[in-house]
Amino acid sequence: MLQTSSLQHPVTASGLTKFVDTSEGRLDILQQVDLKVEGGEAVAILGASGSGKSTLLGLLAGLDEASAGEACLFGTPLHTLNEDGRAALRAGKVGFVFQSFQLLSGMTALENVMLPLELANHPSPDEAAKTALAQAGLSERLHHYPSQLSGGEQQRVAIARAFAPDPKVLFADEPTANLDSHTGERVAEMLFDLQEKNGTVLILVTHDEMLARRCDRRLHLKDGRLDSNR
C-alpha cells in the first residue's frame, strides 16, 4: 500500500511547520502546510518575498528539517532519516535547479552534468550527460567552463544536469529570475518540455505568474500558510 501511495503522490506534507527562535521571540516561517503532489504533476508555489516559498521547497526536498509536521518523499517520512539517508533517498531520483545555476566553476559543462550521474552510479555517465546537453541545445559547449557560457547557457546546463539522471521529482527555485525575459522564456520552454517528456514531477518556486500558469496547479503562500490551492 505504501508503494502504491508513493507512486501516486511522490511528494506529500502534513501539518508541515517551520519556526526559528530569535531574540524577539519565535518567528513562524511556515504554519501547518498540507500538500499532496501527484506523479507527473507540475506545481507552482507563489508568494511575496519572505512568504516561505523557498523554505517549503527545502523541507519537501529534505534539505532542511521541519519544526513540526511531516514531509514524505516517495512515501518515506524525511524526519526518520539523517542527512546521509536523505541524500541516499534523493540520489538519482531527485533533481534541483536554482536561480544561481550552482555550476562548479572548475568543471566543464560535460563534467558538471556527469557529476550527479556518477554519484548515482549511472552505468554510462558520459553518454547520458552528452545526451542531456544535446537536448539542451549545447552539443557545441560540452568542453566550455561556466565562465565561458552566457547566463542562459549556464541555466540550460543546470537543467540538463537536473534531468540527466531521469529524476522522478525536480525542485526548481526561481529558475528564470537571473535571466532576461527572452532567455527566461527559452529556459522555461526547455524546462517544461523535458518535464512533460519525462513525466517528472515539477515543484517550482516562482514570483512569475506567467511561468506559474504553465503548471497544472498553483499554490499561494501568504504569511507561511497556503492561502489558496487552484
C-alpha atoms as a PDB file:
ATOM      1  CA  MET A   1       0.000   0.000   0.000  1.00  0.00           C
ATOM      2  CA  LEU A   2       2.823   2.377   0.827  1.00  0.00           C
ATOM      3  CA  GLN A   3       4.477   1.675  -2.518  1.00  0.00           C
ATOM      4  CA  THR A   4       1.273   2.442  -4.446  1.00  0.00           C
ATOM      5  CA  SER A   5       0.716   5.636  -2.464  1.00  0.00           C
ATOM      6  CA  SER A   6       4.309   6.779  -3.005  1.00  0.00           C
ATOM      7  CA  LEU A   7       3.906   6.339  -6.756  1.00  0.00           C
ATOM      8  CA  GLN A   8       0.628   8.265  -6.831  1.00  0.00           C
ATOM      9  CA  HIS A   9       1.899  11.009  -4.519  1.00  0.00           C
ATOM     10  CA  PRO A  10       5.724  11.144  -4.606  1.00  0.00           C
ATOM     11  CA  VAL A  11       5.740  14.333  -2.503  1.00  0.00           C
ATOM     12  CA  THR A  12       3.433  14.950   0.463  1.00  0.00           C
ATOM     13  CA  ALA A  13       3.300  17.182   3.515  1.00  0.00           C
ATOM     14  CA  SER A  14       1.089  17.083   6.586  1.00  0.00           C
ATOM     15  CA  GLY A  15       0.993  19.865   9.151  1.00  0.00           C
ATOM     16  CA  LEU A  16       4.416  20.992   7.954  1.00  0.00           C
ATOM     17  CA  THR A  17       5.685  23.781  10.221  1.00  0.00           C
ATOM     18  CA  LYS A  18       8.934  25.691  10.433  1.00  0.00           C
ATOM     19  CA  PHE A  19       9.890  28.290  13.031  1.00  0.00           C
ATOM     20  CA  VAL A  20      13.076  29.759  14.453  1.00  0.00           C
ATOM     21  CA  ASP A  21      13.726  31.264  17.865  1.00  0.00           C
ATOM     22  CA  THR A  22      15.051  34.817  17.803  1.00  0.00           C
ATOM     23  CA  SER A  23      15.948  37.364  20.468  1.00  0.00           C
ATOM     24  CA  GLU A  24      12.490  38.860  19.942  1.00  0.00           C
ATOM     25  CA  GLY A  25      10.689  35.538  20.257  1.00  0.00           C
ATOM     26  CA  ARG A  26       9.567  32.797  17.922  1.00  0.00           C
ATOM     27  CA  LEU A  27       9.418  33.582  14.217  1.00  0.00           C
ATOM     28  CA  ASP A  28       6.950  31.408  12.292  1.00  0.00           C
ATOM     29  CA  ILE A  29       8.072  30.772   8.720  1.00  0.00           C
ATOM     30  CA  LEU A  30       5.637  28.015   7.713  1.00  0.00           C
ATOM     31  CA  GLN A  31       2.473  27.011   9.516  1.00  0.00           C
ATOM     32  CA  GLN A  32       0.521  23.771   9.137  1.00  0.00           C
ATOM     33  CA  VAL A  33       1.103  23.191   5.413  1.00  0.00           C
ATOM     34  CA  ASP A  34      -0.721  20.203   3.904  1.00  0.00           C
ATOM     35  CA  LEU A  35       0.136  19.107   0.376  1.00  0.00           C
ATOM     36  CA  LYS A  36      -0.089  16.132  -1.967  1.00  0.00           C
ATOM     37  CA  VAL A  37       1.631  16.183  -5.349  1.00  0.00           C
ATOM     38  CA  GLU A  38       0.663  13.564  -7.912  1.00  0.00           C
ATOM     39  CA  GLY A  39       3.045  11.710 -10.200  1.00  0.00           C
ATOM     40  CA  GLY A  40       3.919  13.760 -13.291  1.00  0.00           C
ATOM     41  CA  GLU A  41       2.275  16.913 -11.917  1.00  0.00           C
ATOM     42  CA  ALA A  42       3.752  20.410 -12.281  1.00  0.00           C
ATOM     43  CA  VAL A  43       3.046  22.581  -9.234  1.00  0.00           C
ATOM     44  CA  ALA A  44       3.932  26.255  -8.814  1.00  0.00           C
ATOM     45  CA  ILE A  45       4.462  27.784  -5.381  1.00  0.00           C
ATOM     46  CA  LEU A  46       3.844  31.528  -5.456  1.00  0.00           C
ATOM     47  CA  GLY A  47       4.016  34.242  -2.847  1.00  0.00           C
ATOM     48  CA  ALA A  48       5.634  37.503  -1.866  1.00  0.00           C
ATOM     49  CA  SER A  49       9.264  37.668  -0.806  1.00  0.00           C
ATOM     50  CA  GLY A  50       9.555  36.224   2.696  1.00  0.00           C
ATOM     51  CA  SER A  51       6.332  34.218   2.471  1.00  0.00           C
ATOM     52  CA  GLY A  52       8.162  30.910   2.964  1.00  0.00           C
ATOM     53  CA  LYS A  53       8.347  29.599  -0.619  1.00  0.00           C
ATOM     54  CA  SER A  54      11.988  28.545  -0.630  1.00  0.00           C
ATOM     55  CA  THR A  55      11.692  27.213   2.929  1.00  0.00           C
ATOM     56  CA  LEU A  56       8.805  24.985   1.852  1.00  0.00           C
ATOM     57  CA  LEU A  57      10.812  23.740  -1.124  1.00  0.00           C
ATOM     58  CA  GLY A  58      13.759  22.902   1.117  1.00  0.00           C
ATOM     59  CA  LEU A  59      11.565  20.994   3.573  1.00  0.00           C
ATOM     60  CA  LEU A  60       9.833  18.992   0.825  1.00  0.00           C
ATOM     61  CA  ALA A  61      13.218  18.073  -0.640  1.00  0.00           C
ATOM     62  CA  GLY A  62      14.735  17.144   2.711  1.00  0.00           C
ATOM     63  CA  LEU A  63      17.366  19.890   2.516  1.00  0.00           C
ATOM     64  CA  ASP A  64      16.069  21.337   5.775  1.00  0.00           C
ATOM     65  CA  GLU A  65      14.312  19.858   8.807  1.00  0.00           C
ATOM     66  CA  ALA A  66      10.787  20.785   9.882  1.00  0.00           C
ATOM     67  CA  SER A  67       9.982  22.068  13.367  1.00  0.00           C
ATOM     68  CA  ALA A  68       6.754  20.056  13.356  1.00  0.00           C
ATOM     69  CA  GLY A  69       4.624  18.053  10.958  1.00  0.00           C
ATOM     70  CA  GLU A  70       5.838  15.670   8.322  1.00  0.00           C
ATOM     71  CA  ALA A  71       7.145  15.732   4.748  1.00  0.00           C
ATOM     72  CA  CYS A  72       7.373  12.481   2.782  1.00  0.00           C
ATOM     73  CA  LEU A  73       9.375  11.764  -0.346  1.00  0.00           C
ATOM     74  CA  PHE A  74       8.429   8.593  -2.241  1.00  0.00           C
ATOM     75  CA  GLY A  75       6.410   7.530   0.787  1.00  0.00           C
ATOM     76  CA  THR A  76       9.335   7.861   3.221  1.00  0.00           C
ATOM     77  CA  PRO A  77       8.946  10.326   6.120  1.00  0.00           C
ATOM     78  CA  LEU A  78      12.001  12.547   5.862  1.00  0.00           C
ATOM     79  CA  HIS A  79      12.263  13.111   9.606  1.00  0.00           C
ATOM     80  CA  THR A  80      13.063   9.403  10.067  1.00  0.00           C
ATOM     81  CA  LEU A  81      16.311   9.787   8.073  1.00  0.00           C
ATOM     82  CA  ASN A  82      19.576  11.500   8.880  1.00  0.00           C
ATOM     83  CA  GLU A  83      21.305  13.759   6.343  1.00  0.00           C
ATOM     84  CA  ASP A  84      23.076  10.853   4.643  1.00  0.00           C
ATOM     85  CA  GLY A  85      19.847   8.887   4.482  1.00  0.00           C
ATOM     86  CA  ARG A  86      18.007  11.778   2.865  1.00  0.00           C
ATOM     87  CA  ALA A  87      20.817  12.190   0.327  1.00  0.00           C
ATOM     88  CA  ALA A  88      20.648   8.468  -0.488  1.00  0.00           C
ATOM     89  CA  LEU A  89      16.876   8.696  -0.956  1.00  0.00           C
ATOM     90  CA  ARG A  90      17.293  11.594  -3.393  1.00  0.00           C
ATOM     91  CA  ALA A  91      20.202  10.093  -5.363  1.00  0.00           C
ATOM     92  CA  GLY A  92      19.226   9.566  -8.992  1.00  0.00           C
ATOM     93  CA  LYS A  93      15.555  10.280  -8.218  1.00  0.00           C
ATOM     94  CA  VAL A  94      15.524  13.988  -7.342  1.00  0.00           C
ATOM     95  CA  GLY A  95      16.930  16.903  -9.326  1.00  0.00           C
ATOM     96  CA  PHE A  96      17.416  20.580  -8.461  1.00  0.00           C
ATOM     97  CA  VAL A  97      17.554  23.811 -10.452  1.00  0.00           C
ATOM     98  CA  PHE A  98      18.407  27.071  -8.661  1.00  0.00           C
ATOM     99  CA  GLN A  99      18.346  30.669  -9.823  1.00  0.00           C
ATOM    100  CA  SER A 100      22.107  30.967  -9.220  1.00  0.00           C
ATOM    101  CA  PHE A 101      22.875  27.991 -11.526  1.00  0.00           C
ATOM    102  CA  GLN A 102      25.160  26.301  -8.911  1.00  0.00           C
ATOM    103  CA  LEU A 103      27.619  25.031 -11.519  1.00  0.00           C
ATOM    104  CA  LEU A 104      31.120  24.068 -10.406  1.00  0.00           C
ATOM    105  CA  SER A 105      33.461  26.631 -11.952  1.00  0.00           C
ATOM    106  CA  GLY A 106      36.403  24.239 -12.296  1.00  0.00           C
ATOM    107  CA  MET A 107      34.398  21.726 -14.331  1.00  0.00           C
ATOM    108  CA  THR A 108      33.282  21.852 -17.953  1.00  0.00           C
ATOM    109  CA  ALA A 109      29.603  21.704 -18.913  1.00  0.00           C
ATOM    110  CA  LEU A 110      30.003  17.985 -19.601  1.00  0.00           C
ATOM    111  CA  GLU A 111      31.712  17.333 -16.270  1.00  0.00           C
ATOM    112  CA  ASN A 112      29.044  19.310 -14.378  1.00  0.00           C
ATOM    113  CA  VAL A 113      26.296  17.174 -15.898  1.00  0.00           C
ATOM    114  CA  MET A 114      28.232  13.937 -15.382  1.00  0.00           C
ATOM    115  CA  LEU A 115      28.722  14.568 -11.662  1.00  0.00           C
ATOM    116  CA  PRO A 116      25.237  13.573 -10.360  1.00  0.00           C
ATOM    117  CA  LEU A 117      25.210  10.638 -12.765  1.00  0.00           C
ATOM    118  CA  GLU A 118      28.470   9.357 -11.304  1.00  0.00           C
ATOM    119  CA  LEU A 119      27.200   9.882  -7.766  1.00  0.00           C
ATOM    120  CA  ALA A 120      24.110   7.831  -8.663  1.00  0.00           C
ATOM    121  CA  ASN A 121      26.336   5.068 -10.138  1.00  0.00           C
ATOM    122  CA  HIS A 122      24.911   5.524 -13.634  1.00  0.00           C
ATOM    123  CA  PRO A 123      26.353   2.885 -15.998  1.00  0.00           C
ATOM    124  CA  SER A 124      27.217   5.393 -18.768  1.00  0.00           C
ATOM    125  CA  PRO A 125      27.571   8.880 -17.252  1.00  0.00           C
ATOM    126  CA  ASP A 126      29.498  10.326 -20.215  1.00  0.00           C
ATOM    127  CA  GLU A 127      26.935   9.196 -22.770  1.00  0.00           C
ATOM    128  CA  ALA A 128      23.943  10.237 -20.651  1.00  0.00           C
ATOM    129  CA  ALA A 129      25.467  13.670 -19.988  1.00  0.00           C
ATOM    130  CA  LYS A 130      26.113  14.257 -23.696  1.00  0.00           C
ATOM    131  CA  THR A 131      22.528  13.285 -24.495  1.00  0.00           C
ATOM    132  CA  ALA A 132      21.168  15.670 -21.860  1.00  0.00           C
ATOM    133  CA  LEU A 133      23.316  18.545 -23.138  1.00  0.00           C
ATOM    134  CA  ALA A 134      22.238  17.806 -26.708  1.00  0.00           C
ATOM    135  CA  GLN A 135      18.607  18.088 -25.601  1.00  0.00           C
ATOM    136  CA  ALA A 136      19.530  21.454 -24.112  1.00  0.00           C
ATOM    137  CA  GLY A 137      20.999  22.562 -27.441  1.00  0.00           C
ATOM    138  CA  LEU A 138      24.519  22.650 -26.016  1.00  0.00           C
ATOM    139  CA  SER A 139      26.363  19.999 -28.024  1.00  0.00           C
ATOM    140  CA  GLU A 140      28.849  22.683 -29.113  1.00  0.00           C
ATOM    141  CA  ARG A 141      29.530  23.699 -25.494  1.00  0.00           C
ATOM    142  CA  LEU A 142      30.485  20.375 -23.903  1.00  0.00           C
ATOM    143  CA  HIS A 143      34.013  21.428 -23.018  1.00  0.00           C
ATOM    144  CA  HIS A 144      33.295  25.028 -22.075  1.00  0.00           C
ATOM    145  CA  TYR A 145      33.614  26.158 -18.472  1.00  0.00           C
ATOM    146  CA  PRO A 146      30.817  28.151 -16.781  1.00  0.00           C
ATOM    147  CA  SER A 147      32.794  31.390 -17.168  1.00  0.00           C
ATOM    148  CA  GLN A 148      32.760  30.824 -20.931  1.00  0.00           C
ATOM    149  CA  LEU A 149      28.963  30.456 -21.070  1.00  0.00           C
ATOM    150  CA  SER A 150      26.199  33.043 -21.028  1.00  0.00           C
ATOM    151  CA  GLY A 151      23.699  33.102 -18.162  1.00  0.00           C
ATOM    152  CA  GLY A 152      21.097  31.342 -20.272  1.00  0.00           C
ATOM    153  CA  GLU A 153      23.570  28.674 -21.319  1.00  0.00           C
ATOM    154  CA  GLN A 154      24.617  28.120 -17.712  1.00  0.00           C
ATOM    155  CA  GLN A 155      20.991  27.631 -16.671  1.00  0.00           C
ATOM    156  CA  ARG A 156      20.455  25.205 -19.551  1.00  0.00           C
ATOM    157  CA  VAL A 157      23.483  23.239 -18.327  1.00  0.00           C
ATOM    158  CA  ALA A 158      21.926  23.249 -14.843  1.00  0.00           C
ATOM    159  CA  ILE A 159      18.634  21.939 -16.246  1.00  0.00           C
ATOM    160  CA  ALA A 160      20.450  19.284 -18.285  1.00  0.00           C
ATOM    161  CA  ARG A 161      22.291  18.254 -15.105  1.00  0.00           C
ATOM    162  CA  ALA A 162      18.999  18.011 -13.212  1.00  0.00           C
ATOM    163  CA  PHE A 163      17.243  15.907 -15.864  1.00  0.00           C
ATOM    164  CA  ALA A 164      20.190  13.696 -16.884  1.00  0.00           C
ATOM    165  CA  PRO A 165      19.613  11.024 -14.190  1.00  0.00           C
ATOM    166  CA  ASP A 166      15.915  10.867 -15.249  1.00  0.00           C
ATOM    167  CA  PRO A 167      14.639  12.014 -11.846  1.00  0.00           C
ATOM    168  CA  LYS A 168      11.147  11.304 -10.597  1.00  0.00           C
ATOM    169  CA  VAL A 169      10.941  14.745  -8.932  1.00  0.00           C
ATOM    170  CA  LEU A 170      12.527  18.075  -9.871  1.00  0.00           C
ATOM    171  CA  PHE A 171      12.630  21.033  -7.474  1.00  0.00           C
ATOM    172  CA  ALA A 172      13.202  24.419  -9.140  1.00  0.00           C
ATOM    173  CA  ASP A 173      13.739  27.638  -7.169  1.00  0.00           C
ATOM    174  CA  GLU A 174      13.217  30.788  -9.306  1.00  0.00           C
ATOM    175  CA  PRO A 175      14.923  29.150 -12.332  1.00  0.00           C
ATOM    176  CA  THR A 176      14.494  32.204 -14.603  1.00  0.00           C
ATOM    177  CA  ALA A 177      14.967  35.008 -12.060  1.00  0.00           C
ATOM    178  CA  ASN A 178      18.522  35.898 -13.115  1.00  0.00           C
ATOM    179  CA  LEU A 179      17.778  35.876 -16.849  1.00  0.00           C
ATOM    180  CA  ASP A 180      16.417  38.478 -19.240  1.00  0.00           C
ATOM    181  CA  SER A 181      12.851  37.897 -20.433  1.00  0.00           C
ATOM    182  CA  HIS A 182      13.762  36.370 -23.811  1.00  0.00           C
ATOM    183  CA  THR A 183      16.350  33.994 -22.333  1.00  0.00           C
ATOM    184  CA  GLY A 184      13.990  33.184 -19.471  1.00  0.00           C
ATOM    185  CA  GLU A 185      11.303  32.145 -21.955  1.00  0.00           C
ATOM    186  CA  ARG A 186      13.737  29.819 -23.741  1.00  0.00           C
ATOM    187  CA  VAL A 187      14.809  28.251 -20.454  1.00  0.00           C
ATOM    188  CA  ALA A 188      11.165  27.847 -19.384  1.00  0.00           C
ATOM    189  CA  GLU A 189      10.336  26.135 -22.681  1.00  0.00           C
ATOM    190  CA  MET A 190      13.146  23.671 -22.130  1.00  0.00           C
ATOM    191  CA  LEU A 191      12.157  23.063 -18.511  1.00  0.00           C
ATOM    192  CA  PHE A 192       8.516  22.274 -19.307  1.00  0.00           C
ATOM    193  CA  ASP A 193       9.318  20.307 -22.473  1.00  0.00           C
ATOM    194  CA  LEU A 194      11.620  17.990 -20.533  1.00  0.00           C
ATOM    195  CA  GLN A 195       9.194  17.775 -17.610  1.00  0.00           C
ATOM    196  CA  GLU A 196       6.364  16.689 -19.914  1.00  0.00           C
ATOM    197  CA  LYS A 197       8.524  14.350 -21.982  1.00  0.00           C
ATOM    198  CA  ASN A 198       9.921  12.561 -18.923  1.00  0.00           C
ATOM    199  CA  GLY A 199       6.762  12.632 -16.798  1.00  0.00           C
ATOM    200  CA  THR A 200       8.734  14.251 -13.995  1.00  0.00           C
ATOM    201  CA  VAL A 201       7.065  15.873 -11.004  1.00  0.00           C
ATOM    202  CA  LEU A 202       7.993  19.566 -11.099  1.00  0.00           C
ATOM    203  CA  ILE A 203       7.714  21.694  -7.958  1.00  0.00           C
ATOM    204  CA  LEU A 204       8.511  25.248  -8.963  1.00  0.00           C
ATOM    205  CA  VAL A 205       9.034  28.245  -6.694  1.00  0.00           C
ATOM    206  CA  THR A 206       8.480  31.471  -8.617  1.00  0.00           C
ATOM    207  CA  HIS A 207       7.160  35.015  -8.371  1.00  0.00           C
ATOM    208  CA  ASP A 208       6.397  34.943 -12.122  1.00  0.00           C
ATOM    209  CA  GLU A 209       2.670  34.459 -12.758  1.00  0.00           C
ATOM    210  CA  MET A 210       3.307  33.729 -16.465  1.00  0.00           C
ATOM    211  CA  LEU A 211       5.623  30.869 -15.536  1.00  0.00           C
ATOM    212  CA  ALA A 212       3.236  29.622 -12.866  1.00  0.00           C
ATOM    213  CA  ARG A 213       0.319  29.482 -15.306  1.00  0.00           C
ATOM    214  CA  ARG A 214       2.158  26.820 -17.262  1.00  0.00           C
ATOM    215  CA  CYS A 215       1.907  24.484 -14.256  1.00  0.00           C
ATOM    216  CA  ASP A 216      -1.011  22.157 -13.570  1.00  0.00           C
ATOM    217  CA  ARG A 217      -1.619  23.729 -10.177  1.00  0.00           C
ATOM    218  CA  ARG A 218      -0.707  26.923  -8.342  1.00  0.00           C
ATOM    219  CA  LEU A 219      -0.262  27.143  -4.581  1.00  0.00           C
ATOM    220  CA  HIS A 220      -0.185  30.589  -2.993  1.00  0.00           C
ATOM    221  CA  LEU A 221       1.758  31.090   0.224  1.00  0.00           C
ATOM    222  CA  LYS A 222       0.886  34.038   2.425  1.00  0.00           C
ATOM    223  CA  ASP A 223       2.496  34.578   5.821  1.00  0.00           C
ATOM    224  CA  GLY A 224       3.633  30.969   5.893  1.00  0.00           C
ATOM    225  CA  ARG A 225       0.228  29.477   5.120  1.00  0.00           C
ATOM    226  CA  LEU A 226      -1.276  28.108   1.949  1.00  0.00           C
ATOM    227  CA  ASP A 227      -3.723  30.861   1.070  1.00  0.00           C
ATOM    228  CA  SER A 228      -5.318  29.092  -1.888  1.00  0.00           C
ATOM    229  CA  ASN A 229      -4.991  25.961  -3.968  1.00  0.00           C
ATOM    230  CA  ARG A 230      -6.181  26.353  -7.525  1.00  0.00           C
END
